Amino acid sequence: MANENAEDVTGVPQRAQGLLFDDDLPDLDDATGYRGPTACRAAGITYRQLDYWARTGLVEPTVRPATGSGTQRLYSFRDILVLKVVKRLLDTGVSLQQIRAAVGHLRERGVDDLAQITLMSDGASVYECTSADEVIDLVQGGQGVFGIAVGRVWREVEGTLAELPTERADDDAAHAAEHPQDELARRRQARTAG
């Protein structure tokens, strides 16, 4: 790698450096999530991609995972942000293997840090830049062909989700406590009683 400051996201964890974005970002509610179709719409992906990525562990829902037939996955804001970044990387030709490595690295970073980075790629490798100087060094070194400013993607996802429905993770638990049987059990009970 020609640039000694930018770190390949598949390598060692990034050391503390200057910020490319210094906006104050909102606190996120860990108990509020978005169902699959909403996550797809906000990230610009198909439900088939969402399901495959969840089943293979690329981007799993953190608010509520699927626990069996009929349960609804709930994706956090951060999950949807990562989905959209994955989609952008795929659209630019980065391999799924490189994306998996990049997502693994991003998982190690906190939500606050995500908005502070720019992902650069030459189509083969993905690099993490946390300052304008790193972006310039990478481009001048011929390694960066395109960049994804995660802070900007954050704002896009935030704007899209503001218009879409949310769901609290404890909504289903409250419903289950009030109505302990599922629909199939209620039908069976009605059939045997009637």
C-alpha atoms as a PDB file:
ATOM      1  CA  MET A   1       0.000   0.000   0.000  1.00  0.00           C
ATOM      2  CA  ALA A   2       1.551   3.325  -1.070  1.00  0.00           C
ATOM      3  CA  ASN A   3      -0.135   5.337   1.670  1.00  0.00           C
ATOM      4  CA  GLU A   4       1.230   4.725   5.134  1.00  0.00           C
ATOM      5  CA  ASN A   5      -1.571   6.640   6.894  1.00  0.00           C
ATOM      6  CA  ALA A   6      -4.700   4.996   5.484  1.00  0.00           C
ATOM      7  CA  GLU A   7      -5.277   1.489   6.749  1.00  0.00           C
ATOM      8  CA  ASP A   8      -6.601  -1.364   4.637  1.00  0.00           C
ATOM      9  CA  VAL A   9      -9.823  -2.267   6.454  1.00  0.00           C
ATOM     10  CA  THR A  10      -8.839  -5.905   6.339  1.00  0.00           C
ATOM     11  CA  GLY A  11      -5.652  -5.145   8.307  1.00  0.00           C
ATOM     12  CA  VAL A  12      -4.875  -3.925  11.771  1.00  0.00           C
ATOM     13  CA  PRO A  13      -7.345  -1.710  13.646  1.00  0.00           C
ATOM     14  CA  GLN A  14      -7.160   1.988  12.819  1.00  0.00           C
ATOM     15  CA  ARG A  15      -5.272   4.174  15.271  1.00  0.00           C
ATOM     16  CA  ALA A  16      -6.814   7.412  16.597  1.00  0.00           C
ATOM     17  CA  GLN A  17      -6.507  10.157  13.990  1.00  0.00           C
ATOM     18  CA  GLY A  18      -8.056  13.433  12.876  1.00  0.00           C
ATOM     19  CA  LEU A  19     -11.702  13.549  11.856  1.00  0.00           C
ATOM     20  CA  LEU A  20     -12.968  13.981   8.321  1.00  0.00           C
ATOM     21  CA  PHE A  21     -16.440  14.827   9.636  1.00  0.00           C
ATOM     22  CA  ASP A  22     -16.991  16.587  12.921  1.00  0.00           C
ATOM     23  CA  ASP A  23     -20.792  16.861  12.921  1.00  0.00           C
ATOM     24  CA  ASP A  24     -22.662  15.995  16.073  1.00  0.00           C
ATOM     25  CA  LEU A  25     -24.627  12.859  15.330  1.00  0.00           C
ATOM     26  CA  PRO A  26     -27.844  11.831  17.039  1.00  0.00           C
ATOM     27  CA  ASP A  27     -28.036   9.234  19.783  1.00  0.00           C
ATOM     28  CA  LEU A  28     -29.581   6.024  18.507  1.00  0.00           C
ATOM     29  CA  ASP A  29     -32.371   4.102  20.220  1.00  0.00           C
ATOM     30  CA  ASP A  30     -31.286   0.462  20.503  1.00  0.00           C
ATOM     31  CA  ALA A  31     -34.863  -0.757  21.106  1.00  0.00           C
ATOM     32  CA  THR A  32     -36.292   0.722  17.901  1.00  0.00           C
ATOM     33  CA  GLY A  33     -35.848  -1.066  14.621  1.00  0.00           C
ATOM     34  CA  TYR A  34     -37.063  -1.361  11.077  1.00  0.00           C
ATOM     35  CA  ARG A  35     -38.629  -4.412   9.448  1.00  0.00           C
ATOM     36  CA  GLY A  36     -37.035  -6.045   6.427  1.00  0.00           C
ATOM     37  CA  PRO A  37     -39.041  -4.261   3.700  1.00  0.00           C
ATOM     38  CA  THR A  38     -38.283  -0.885   5.314  1.00  0.00           C
ATOM     39  CA  ALA A  39     -34.576  -1.746   5.589  1.00  0.00           C
ATOM     40  CA  CYS A  40     -34.565  -2.770   1.915  1.00  0.00           C
ATOM     41  CA  ARG A  41     -36.177   0.470   0.826  1.00  0.00           C
ATOM     42  CA  ALA A  42     -33.788   2.614   2.875  1.00  0.00           C
ATOM     43  CA  ALA A  43     -30.681   0.715   1.714  1.00  0.00           C
ATOM     44  CA  GLY A  44     -31.774   0.339  -1.912  1.00  0.00           C
ATOM     45  CA  ILE A  45     -31.521  -3.456  -1.952  1.00  0.00           C
ATOM     46  CA  THR A  46     -33.861  -6.346  -2.674  1.00  0.00           C
ATOM     47  CA  TYR A  47     -35.430  -8.487   0.031  1.00  0.00           C
ATOM     48  CA  ARG A  48     -33.589 -11.477  -1.427  1.00  0.00           C
ATOM     49  CA  GLN A  49     -30.239  -9.692  -0.840  1.00  0.00           C
ATOM     50  CA  LEU A  50     -31.283  -8.729   2.687  1.00  0.00           C
ATOM     51  CA  ASP A  51     -32.283 -12.295   3.525  1.00  0.00           C
ATOM     52  CA  TYR A  52     -29.112 -13.791   2.035  1.00  0.00           C
ATOM     53  CA  TRP A  53     -26.847 -11.313   3.831  1.00  0.00           C
ATOM     54  CA  ALA A  54     -28.621 -12.016   7.134  1.00  0.00           C
ATOM     55  CA  ARG A  55     -28.421 -15.801   6.709  1.00  0.00           C
ATOM     56  CA  THR A  56     -24.726 -15.691   5.755  1.00  0.00           C
ATOM     57  CA  GLY A  57     -23.828 -13.305   8.573  1.00  0.00           C
ATOM     58  CA  LEU A  58     -22.766 -10.362   6.403  1.00  0.00           C
ATOM     59  CA  VAL A  59     -25.272  -7.951   7.957  1.00  0.00           C
ATOM     60  CA  GLU A  60     -27.497  -9.432  10.647  1.00  0.00           C
ATOM     61  CA  PRO A  61     -30.301  -7.538  12.376  1.00  0.00           C
ATOM     62  CA  THR A  62     -29.177  -6.356  15.813  1.00  0.00           C
ATOM     63  CA  VAL A  63     -32.500  -5.184  17.267  1.00  0.00           C
ATOM     64  CA  ARG A  64     -34.274  -8.507  16.793  1.00  0.00           C
ATOM     65  CA  PRO A  65     -32.992 -11.473  14.793  1.00  0.00           C
ATOM     66  CA  ALA A  66     -35.292 -13.997  13.178  1.00  0.00           C
ATOM     67  CA  THR A  67     -35.912 -16.771  15.689  1.00  0.00           C
ATOM     68  CA  GLY A  68     -38.084 -19.014  13.585  1.00  0.00           C
ATOM     69  CA  SER A  69     -40.934 -19.040  11.145  1.00  0.00           C
ATOM     70  CA  GLY A  70     -43.148 -15.987  11.416  1.00  0.00           C
ATOM     71  CA  THR A  71     -40.794 -13.792  13.438  1.00  0.00           C
ATOM     72  CA  GLN A  72     -39.913 -10.406  12.022  1.00  0.00           C
ATOM     73  CA  ARG A  73     -36.294  -9.288  11.906  1.00  0.00           C
ATOM     74  CA  LEU A  74     -35.716  -5.750  13.126  1.00  0.00           C
ATOM     75  CA  TYR A  75     -32.745  -3.837  11.771  1.00  0.00           C
ATOM     76  CA  SER A  76     -31.151  -0.946  13.654  1.00  0.00           C
ATOM     77  CA  PHE A  77     -30.222   2.334  12.044  1.00  0.00           C
ATOM     78  CA  ARG A  78     -26.572   1.225  12.075  1.00  0.00           C
ATOM     79  CA  ASP A  79     -27.512  -2.078  10.366  1.00  0.00           C
ATOM     80  CA  ILE A  80     -29.229  -0.151   7.574  1.00  0.00           C
ATOM     81  CA  LEU A  81     -26.254   2.176   7.279  1.00  0.00           C
ATOM     82  CA  VAL A  82     -23.975  -0.842   6.800  1.00  0.00           C
ATOM     83  CA  LEU A  83     -26.453  -2.359   4.292  1.00  0.00           C
ATOM     84  CA  LYS A  84     -26.314   0.819   2.223  1.00  0.00           C
ATOM     85  CA  VAL A  85     -22.504   0.935   2.339  1.00  0.00           C
ATOM     86  CA  VAL A  86     -22.392  -2.738   1.256  1.00  0.00           C
ATOM     87  CA  LYS A  87     -24.743  -1.927  -1.637  1.00  0.00           C
ATOM     88  CA  ARG A  88     -22.550   0.978  -2.741  1.00  0.00           C
ATOM     89  CA  LEU A  89     -19.423  -1.160  -2.624  1.00  0.00           C
ATOM     90  CA  LEU A  90     -21.136  -3.912  -4.663  1.00  0.00           C
ATOM     91  CA  ASP A  91     -22.312  -1.353  -7.222  1.00  0.00           C
ATOM     92  CA  THR A  92     -18.728  -0.218  -7.759  1.00  0.00           C
ATOM     93  CA  GLY A  93     -17.435  -3.737  -8.358  1.00  0.00           C
ATOM     94  CA  VAL A  94     -15.823  -4.628  -5.018  1.00  0.00           C
ATOM     95  CA  SER A  95     -15.906  -8.380  -4.428  1.00  0.00           C
ATOM     96  CA  LEU A  96     -18.188  -9.822  -1.771  1.00  0.00           C
ATOM     97  CA  GLN A  97     -15.107 -11.315  -0.069  1.00  0.00           C
ATOM     98  CA  GLN A  98     -13.528  -7.842   0.295  1.00  0.00           C
ATOM     99  CA  ILE A  99     -16.857  -6.430   1.477  1.00  0.00           C
ATOM    100  CA  ARG A 100     -17.139  -9.130   4.144  1.00  0.00           C
ATOM    101  CA  ALA A 101     -13.669  -8.196   5.411  1.00  0.00           C
ATOM    102  CA  ALA A 102     -14.566  -4.482   5.395  1.00  0.00           C
ATOM    103  CA  VAL A 103     -17.856  -5.079   7.237  1.00  0.00           C
ATOM    104  CA  GLY A 104     -16.028  -7.184   9.815  1.00  0.00           C
ATOM    105  CA  HIS A 105     -13.676  -4.285  10.430  1.00  0.00           C
ATOM    106  CA  LEU A 106     -16.555  -1.773  10.612  1.00  0.00           C
ATOM    107  CA  ARG A 107     -18.289  -3.946  13.229  1.00  0.00           C
ATOM    108  CA  GLU A 108     -15.280  -3.495  15.479  1.00  0.00           C
ATOM    109  CA  ARG A 109     -15.765   0.274  15.366  1.00  0.00           C
ATOM    110  CA  GLY A 110     -18.446   2.118  17.314  1.00  0.00           C
ATOM    111  CA  VAL A 111     -21.389   3.934  15.714  1.00  0.00           C
ATOM    112  CA  ASP A 112     -19.796   7.297  16.476  1.00  0.00           C
ATOM    113  CA  ASP A 113     -16.694   6.323  14.524  1.00  0.00           C
ATOM    114  CA  LEU A 114     -18.638   5.120  11.467  1.00  0.00           C
ATOM    115  CA  ALA A 115     -19.720   8.618  10.520  1.00  0.00           C
ATOM    116  CA  GLN A 116     -16.147   9.855  10.799  1.00  0.00           C
ATOM    117  CA  ILE A 117     -14.668   7.720   8.030  1.00  0.00           C
ATOM    118  CA  THR A 118     -14.492   7.633   4.270  1.00  0.00           C
ATOM    119  CA  LEU A 119     -14.134   4.275   2.562  1.00  0.00           C
ATOM    120  CA  MET A 120     -11.933   4.374  -0.539  1.00  0.00           C
ATOM    121  CA  SER A 121     -11.482   1.569  -3.013  1.00  0.00           C
ATOM    122  CA  ASP A 122      -9.591   0.755  -6.154  1.00  0.00           C
ATOM    123  CA  GLY A 123     -12.146  -1.942  -6.978  1.00  0.00           C
ATOM    124  CA  ALA A 124     -10.043  -4.674  -5.376  1.00  0.00           C
ATOM    125  CA  SER A 125      -9.267  -3.445  -1.860  1.00  0.00           C
ATOM    126  CA  VAL A 126     -11.161  -1.227   0.538  1.00  0.00           C
ATOM    127  CA  TYR A 127      -9.312   1.414   2.558  1.00  0.00           C
ATOM    128  CA  GLU A 128     -10.458   3.420   5.551  1.00  0.00           C
ATOM    129  CA  CYS A 129      -9.586   7.113   5.717  1.00  0.00           C
ATOM    130  CA  THR A 130     -10.332   9.270   8.740  1.00  0.00           C
ATOM    131  CA  SER A 131      -8.865  12.569   7.520  1.00  0.00           C
ATOM    132  CA  ALA A 132      -8.850  14.626   4.349  1.00  0.00           C
ATOM    133  CA  ASP A 133      -5.058  14.173   4.164  1.00  0.00           C
ATOM    134  CA  GLU A 134      -5.455  10.390   4.069  1.00  0.00           C
ATOM    135  CA  VAL A 135      -7.954  10.648   1.201  1.00  0.00           C
ATOM    136  CA  ILE A 136      -5.585  12.901  -0.749  1.00  0.00           C
ATOM    137  CA  ASP A 137      -2.599  10.618  -0.056  1.00  0.00           C
ATOM    138  CA  LEU A 138      -4.539   7.570  -1.202  1.00  0.00           C
ATOM    139  CA  VAL A 139      -5.730   9.220  -4.416  1.00  0.00           C
ATOM    140  CA  GLN A 140      -2.276  10.645  -5.179  1.00  0.00           C
ATOM    141  CA  GLY A 141      -0.805   7.190  -4.613  1.00  0.00           C
ATOM    142  CA  GLY A 142      -3.138   5.838  -7.284  1.00  0.00           C
ATOM    143  CA  GLN A 143      -4.963   3.510  -4.888  1.00  0.00           C
ATOM    144  CA  GLY A 144      -8.303   5.259  -4.495  1.00  0.00           C
ATOM    145  CA  VAL A 145     -10.645   5.245  -7.452  1.00  0.00           C
ATOM    146  CA  PHE A 146     -13.838   6.092  -5.600  1.00  0.00           C
ATOM    147  CA  GLY A 147     -14.845   6.985  -2.082  1.00  0.00           C
ATOM    148  CA  ILE A 148     -17.861   6.570   0.146  1.00  0.00           C
ATOM    149  CA  ALA A 149     -18.188   9.229   2.830  1.00  0.00           C
ATOM    150  CA  VAL A 150     -20.008   7.224   5.498  1.00  0.00           C
ATOM    151  CA  GLY A 151     -21.168  10.422   7.218  1.00  0.00           C
ATOM    152  CA  ARG A 152     -23.004  11.438   4.050  1.00  0.00           C
ATOM    153  CA  VAL A 153     -24.556   7.968   3.698  1.00  0.00           C
ATOM    154  CA  TRP A 154     -25.586   8.320   7.373  1.00  0.00           C
ATOM    155  CA  ARG A 155     -27.516  11.510   6.505  1.00  0.00           C
ATOM    156  CA  GLU A 156     -29.150   9.862   3.464  1.00  0.00           C
ATOM    157  CA  VAL A 157     -30.334   6.871   5.505  1.00  0.00           C
ATOM    158  CA  GLU A 158     -31.524   9.190   8.267  1.00  0.00           C
ATOM    159  CA  GLY A 159     -33.579  11.218   5.768  1.00  0.00           C
ATOM    160  CA  THR A 160     -35.113   8.135   4.160  1.00  0.00           C
ATOM    161  CA  LEU A 161     -35.966   6.454   7.478  1.00  0.00           C
ATOM    162  CA  ALA A 162     -37.609   9.614   8.833  1.00  0.00           C
ATOM    163  CA  GLU A 163     -40.493   8.897   6.450  1.00  0.00           C
ATOM    164  CA  LEU A 164     -40.722   5.148   7.112  1.00  0.00           C
ATOM    165  CA  PRO A 165     -42.354   3.207   9.981  1.00  0.00           C
ATOM    166  CA  THR A 166     -40.376   2.013  12.995  1.00  0.00           C
ATOM    167  CA  GLU A 167     -41.163  -0.734  15.443  1.00  0.00           C
ATOM    168  CA  ARG A 168     -40.077  -1.249  19.020  1.00  0.00           C
ATOM    169  CA  ALA A 169     -38.396  -4.556  19.806  1.00  0.00           C
ATOM    170  CA  ASP A 170     -40.574  -4.979  22.882  1.00  0.00           C
ATOM    171  CA  ASP A 171     -43.840  -4.556  20.901  1.00  0.00           C
ATOM    172  CA  ASP A 172     -43.939  -8.262  20.034  1.00  0.00           C
ATOM    173  CA  ALA A 173     -43.060  -9.235  23.608  1.00  0.00           C
ATOM    174  CA  ALA A 174     -45.927  -7.138  24.957  1.00  0.00           C
ATOM    175  CA  HIS A 175     -48.277  -8.625  22.367  1.00  0.00           C
ATOM    176  CA  ALA A 176     -47.130 -12.159  23.220  1.00  0.00           C
ATOM    177  CA  ALA A 177     -47.697 -11.509  26.939  1.00  0.00           C
ATOM    178  CA  GLU A 178     -51.242 -10.282  26.255  1.00  0.00           C
ATOM    179  CA  HIS A 179     -51.945 -13.058  23.741  1.00  0.00           C
ATOM    180  CA  PRO A 180     -49.794 -16.043  24.706  1.00  0.00           C
ATOM    181  CA  GLN A 181     -50.897 -18.224  21.805  1.00  0.00           C
ATOM    182  CA  ASP A 182     -49.959 -17.684  18.216  1.00  0.00           C
ATOM    183  CA  GLU A 183     -52.562 -17.575  15.448  1.00  0.00           C
ATOM    184  CA  LEU A 184     -52.233 -21.275  14.614  1.00  0.00           C
ATOM    185  CA  ALA A 185     -52.771 -22.256  18.267  1.00  0.00           C
ATOM    186  CA  ARG A 186     -55.861 -20.017  18.462  1.00  0.00           C
ATOM    187  CA  ARG A 187     -57.316 -21.639  15.327  1.00  0.00           C
ATOM    188  CA  ARG A 188     -56.715 -25.128  16.730  1.00  0.00           C
ATOM    189  CA  GLN A 189     -58.323 -24.126  20.008  1.00  0.00           C
ATOM    190  CA  ALA A 190     -61.358 -22.653  18.202  1.00  0.00           C
ATOM    191  CA  ARG A 191     -61.716 -25.785  16.082  1.00  0.00           C
ATOM    192  CA  THR A 192     -61.639 -28.142  19.074  1.00  0.00           C
ATOM    193  CA  ALA A 193     -63.984 -25.926  21.118  1.00  0.00           C
ATOM    194  CA  GLY A 194     -66.492 -25.505  18.292  1.00  0.00           C
END
